Amino acid sequence: MQLGFKKVSQPSGRNLTSLKKGESGILDHIELSDDDARRLMEMGFLPGHTVTRAGSAPGGDPRVFQVDGSEVALRQETAWHLILR
């Protein structure tokens, strides 16, 4: 089974930080360490699933995303590594 994450230092492509409030995208892969990617996948950030930007804290960080029926807050530096199709 392919878990859908890659190990690289610089993320490539459009990522979660590019989503505007209410906008959705399909997660393609996660460009973080295996442990960090696995933790995010356990929260519902699975390749092929739809992720919707819900809002953010005052100042813009962290940002809230809806995924797999839940709302999850991610810091911008983490969301930057979740790559959309």
N, C-alpha and C. Protein backbone atom coordinates (compact mmCIF):
# COMPACT_ATOMS: atom_id res chain seq x y z
N MET A 1 0.84 -1.18 0.00
CA MET A 1 0.00 0.00 0.00
C MET A 1 0.88 1.24 0.00
N GLN A 2 0.60 2.14 -0.91
CA GLN A 2 1.33 3.40 -0.97
C GLN A 2 0.64 4.41 -0.07
N LEU A 3 1.41 5.03 0.82
CA LEU A 3 0.83 5.94 1.79
C LEU A 3 0.59 7.33 1.23
N GLY A 4 1.22 7.71 0.14
CA GLY A 4 0.94 8.99 -0.48
C GLY A 4 1.72 10.16 0.06
N PHE A 5 2.92 9.92 0.58
CA PHE A 5 3.74 11.04 1.01
C PHE A 5 5.13 10.88 0.44
N LYS A 6 5.82 12.02 0.31
CA LYS A 6 7.16 12.05 -0.25
C LYS A 6 8.07 12.78 0.71
N LYS A 7 9.34 12.46 0.66
CA LYS A 7 10.32 13.16 1.49
C LYS A 7 11.13 14.09 0.61
N VAL A 8 10.88 15.39 0.74
CA VAL A 8 11.66 16.40 0.04
C VAL A 8 11.78 17.62 0.93
N SER A 9 12.75 18.47 0.66
CA SER A 9 12.93 19.64 1.52
C SER A 9 12.05 20.82 1.10
N GLN A 10 11.83 21.00 -0.20
CA GLN A 10 11.01 22.10 -0.69
C GLN A 10 9.72 21.55 -1.30
N PRO A 11 8.55 21.98 -0.83
CA PRO A 11 7.31 21.49 -1.42
C PRO A 11 7.15 21.97 -2.87
N SER A 12 6.47 21.17 -3.65
CA SER A 12 6.25 21.52 -5.05
C SER A 12 4.75 21.59 -5.31
N GLY A 13 4.34 22.44 -6.22
CA GLY A 13 2.93 22.52 -6.60
C GLY A 13 2.11 23.39 -5.67
N ARG A 14 0.81 23.41 -5.94
CA ARG A 14 -0.16 24.20 -5.16
C ARG A 14 -0.40 23.49 -3.83
N ASN A 15 -0.37 24.24 -2.74
CA ASN A 15 -0.54 23.62 -1.42
C ASN A 15 -1.75 24.22 -0.69
N LEU A 16 -2.01 23.72 0.52
CA LEU A 16 -3.19 24.15 1.27
C LEU A 16 -3.20 25.64 1.57
N THR A 17 -2.03 26.26 1.66
CA THR A 17 -2.01 27.69 1.99
C THR A 17 -2.59 28.54 0.86
N SER A 18 -2.70 27.97 -0.34
CA SER A 18 -3.25 28.73 -1.46
C SER A 18 -4.78 28.76 -1.48
N LEU A 19 -5.43 27.94 -0.65
CA LEU A 19 -6.89 27.92 -0.61
C LEU A 19 -7.43 29.15 0.09
N LYS A 20 -8.44 29.76 -0.49
CA LYS A 20 -9.14 30.88 0.14
C LYS A 20 -10.29 30.32 0.97
N LYS A 21 -10.81 31.10 1.90
CA LYS A 21 -11.90 30.65 2.76
C LYS A 21 -13.06 30.14 1.91
N GLY A 22 -13.52 28.92 2.19
CA GLY A 22 -14.62 28.30 1.47
C GLY A 22 -14.19 27.52 0.24
N GLU A 23 -12.96 27.67 -0.20
CA GLU A 23 -12.45 26.97 -1.38
C GLU A 23 -11.97 25.57 -0.99
N SER A 24 -12.14 24.62 -1.92
CA SER A 24 -11.75 23.23 -1.69
C SER A 24 -10.71 22.78 -2.70
N GLY A 25 -10.01 21.74 -2.33
CA GLY A 25 -9.04 21.12 -3.22
C GLY A 25 -8.91 19.65 -2.87
N ILE A 26 -8.36 18.88 -3.78
CA ILE A 26 -8.13 17.45 -3.56
C ILE A 26 -6.67 17.27 -3.17
N LEU A 27 -6.44 16.62 -2.03
CA LEU A 27 -5.08 16.38 -1.57
C LEU A 27 -4.39 15.36 -2.46
N ASP A 28 -3.20 15.70 -2.95
CA ASP A 28 -2.43 14.79 -3.78
C ASP A 28 -1.41 14.02 -2.95
N HIS A 29 -0.60 14.74 -2.17
CA HIS A 29 0.39 14.07 -1.33
C HIS A 29 0.89 15.02 -0.25
N ILE A 30 1.64 14.44 0.69
CA ILE A 30 2.18 15.19 1.82
C ILE A 30 3.70 15.13 1.72
N GLU A 31 4.34 16.29 1.75
CA GLU A 31 5.79 16.36 1.64
C GLU A 31 6.40 16.68 3.00
N LEU A 32 6.29 15.72 3.91
CA LEU A 32 6.84 15.81 5.26
C LEU A 32 7.48 14.48 5.62
N SER A 33 8.12 14.42 6.77
CA SER A 33 8.70 13.15 7.23
C SER A 33 7.60 12.10 7.38
N ASP A 34 7.99 10.85 7.35
CA ASP A 34 7.02 9.76 7.47
C ASP A 34 6.16 9.90 8.73
N ASP A 35 6.77 10.22 9.86
CA ASP A 35 6.02 10.34 11.11
C ASP A 35 5.02 11.49 11.07
N ASP A 36 5.44 12.64 10.57
CA ASP A 36 4.53 13.79 10.48
C ASP A 36 3.41 13.52 9.48
N ALA A 37 3.74 12.93 8.34
CA ALA A 37 2.72 12.61 7.33
C ALA A 37 1.72 11.61 7.89
N ARG A 38 2.18 10.61 8.59
CA ARG A 38 1.29 9.59 9.17
C ARG A 38 0.34 10.23 10.19
N ARG A 39 0.85 11.15 11.01
CA ARG A 39 0.01 11.83 12.00
C ARG A 39 -1.11 12.62 11.31
N LEU A 40 -0.76 13.34 10.22
CA LEU A 40 -1.77 14.09 9.48
C LEU A 40 -2.77 13.16 8.81
N MET A 41 -2.31 12.04 8.30
CA MET A 41 -3.21 11.07 7.67
C MET A 41 -4.18 10.48 8.68
N GLU A 42 -3.74 10.30 9.92
CA GLU A 42 -4.62 9.81 10.98
C GLU A 42 -5.71 10.82 11.31
N MET A 43 -5.46 12.11 11.03
CA MET A 43 -6.46 13.16 11.25
C MET A 43 -7.38 13.33 10.04
N GLY A 44 -7.15 12.57 8.96
CA GLY A 44 -8.05 12.63 7.81
C GLY A 44 -7.45 13.21 6.55
N PHE A 45 -6.22 13.70 6.61
CA PHE A 45 -5.57 14.27 5.43
C PHE A 45 -4.99 13.14 4.58
N LEU A 46 -5.88 12.50 3.82
CA LEU A 46 -5.51 11.36 2.99
C LEU A 46 -5.52 11.76 1.52
N PRO A 47 -4.54 11.28 0.76
CA PRO A 47 -4.54 11.57 -0.68
C PRO A 47 -5.86 11.16 -1.32
N GLY A 48 -6.38 12.04 -2.18
CA GLY A 48 -7.65 11.80 -2.85
C GLY A 48 -8.85 12.38 -2.12
N HIS A 49 -8.67 12.82 -0.88
CA HIS A 49 -9.77 13.40 -0.10
C HIS A 49 -9.86 14.90 -0.33
N THR A 50 -11.06 15.42 -0.23
CA THR A 50 -11.30 16.85 -0.38
C THR A 50 -10.99 17.58 0.92
N VAL A 51 -10.28 18.69 0.80
CA VAL A 51 -9.95 19.55 1.94
C VAL A 51 -10.52 20.93 1.63
N THR A 52 -11.25 21.51 2.60
CA THR A 52 -11.87 22.83 2.44
C THR A 52 -11.31 23.78 3.48
N ARG A 53 -10.93 24.96 3.03
CA ARG A 53 -10.45 26.00 3.96
C ARG A 53 -11.66 26.57 4.68
N ALA A 54 -11.64 26.52 6.01
CA ALA A 54 -12.77 26.99 6.80
C ALA A 54 -12.55 28.39 7.36
N GLY A 55 -11.38 28.71 7.79
CA GLY A 55 -11.13 30.02 8.38
C GLY A 55 -9.73 30.07 8.94
N SER A 56 -9.50 31.03 9.84
CA SER A 56 -8.18 31.14 10.46
C SER A 56 -8.30 31.92 11.76
N ALA A 57 -7.27 31.81 12.55
CA ALA A 57 -7.19 32.59 13.78
C ALA A 57 -6.91 34.05 13.41
N PRO A 58 -7.17 34.97 14.33
CA PRO A 58 -6.80 36.36 14.07
C PRO A 58 -5.32 36.44 13.71
N GLY A 59 -5.00 37.14 12.66
CA GLY A 59 -3.61 37.20 12.21
C GLY A 59 -3.30 36.17 11.13
N GLY A 60 -4.23 35.22 10.91
CA GLY A 60 -4.07 34.27 9.81
C GLY A 60 -3.40 32.95 10.11
N ASP A 61 -2.90 32.74 11.33
CA ASP A 61 -2.20 31.49 11.62
C ASP A 61 -2.52 31.06 13.04
N PRO A 62 -3.01 29.86 13.29
CA PRO A 62 -3.18 28.77 12.35
C PRO A 62 -4.43 28.93 11.49
N ARG A 63 -4.51 28.11 10.46
CA ARG A 63 -5.67 28.08 9.57
C ARG A 63 -6.47 26.82 9.85
N VAL A 64 -7.79 26.92 9.68
CA VAL A 64 -8.68 25.79 9.93
C VAL A 64 -9.11 25.19 8.60
N PHE A 65 -9.05 23.86 8.52
CA PHE A 65 -9.44 23.12 7.32
C PHE A 65 -10.46 22.06 7.71
N GLN A 66 -11.45 21.85 6.83
CA GLN A 66 -12.42 20.78 7.00
C GLN A 66 -11.97 19.59 6.17
N VAL A 67 -11.86 18.43 6.82
CA VAL A 67 -11.44 17.22 6.13
C VAL A 67 -12.06 16.03 6.85
N ASP A 68 -12.62 15.12 6.07
CA ASP A 68 -13.16 13.87 6.61
C ASP A 68 -14.15 14.11 7.75
N GLY A 69 -15.00 15.15 7.63
CA GLY A 69 -16.03 15.43 8.63
C GLY A 69 -15.55 16.15 9.87
N SER A 70 -14.30 16.56 9.91
CA SER A 70 -13.74 17.25 11.07
C SER A 70 -13.13 18.58 10.66
N GLU A 71 -12.95 19.46 11.64
CA GLU A 71 -12.21 20.69 11.43
C GLU A 71 -10.88 20.56 12.14
N VAL A 72 -9.80 20.85 11.42
CA VAL A 72 -8.45 20.72 11.95
C VAL A 72 -7.70 22.02 11.72
N ALA A 73 -7.05 22.53 12.76
CA ALA A 73 -6.24 23.73 12.64
C ALA A 73 -4.79 23.32 12.37
N LEU A 74 -4.21 23.91 11.33
CA LEU A 74 -2.81 23.64 10.98
C LEU A 74 -2.06 24.95 10.89
N ARG A 75 -0.87 24.97 11.37
CA ARG A 75 0.00 26.14 11.19
C ARG A 75 0.37 26.25 9.72
N GLN A 76 0.61 27.45 9.27
CA GLN A 76 0.93 27.70 7.86
C GLN A 76 2.14 26.88 7.41
N GLU A 77 3.15 26.75 8.27
CA GLU A 77 4.35 26.02 7.87
C GLU A 77 4.07 24.53 7.64
N THR A 78 3.03 23.99 8.28
CA THR A 78 2.62 22.60 8.04
C THR A 78 1.75 22.52 6.80
N ALA A 79 0.77 23.42 6.69
CA ALA A 79 -0.16 23.41 5.54
C ALA A 79 0.59 23.58 4.22
N TRP A 80 1.73 24.25 4.26
CA TRP A 80 2.55 24.49 3.08
C TRP A 80 3.04 23.17 2.45
N HIS A 81 3.12 22.11 3.25
CA HIS A 81 3.65 20.82 2.81
C HIS A 81 2.56 19.83 2.38
N LEU A 82 1.30 20.24 2.38
CA LEU A 82 0.21 19.40 1.90
C LEU A 82 -0.16 19.86 0.50
N ILE A 83 0.18 19.05 -0.48
CA ILE A 83 0.13 19.44 -1.88
C ILE A 83 -1.18 18.97 -2.52
N LEU A 84 -1.80 19.89 -3.25
CA LEU A 84 -3.08 19.62 -3.92
C LEU A 84 -2.85 19.18 -5.37
N ARG A 85 -3.87 18.52 -5.92
CA ARG A 85 -3.83 18.13 -7.33
C ARG A 85 -4.02 19.35 -8.20
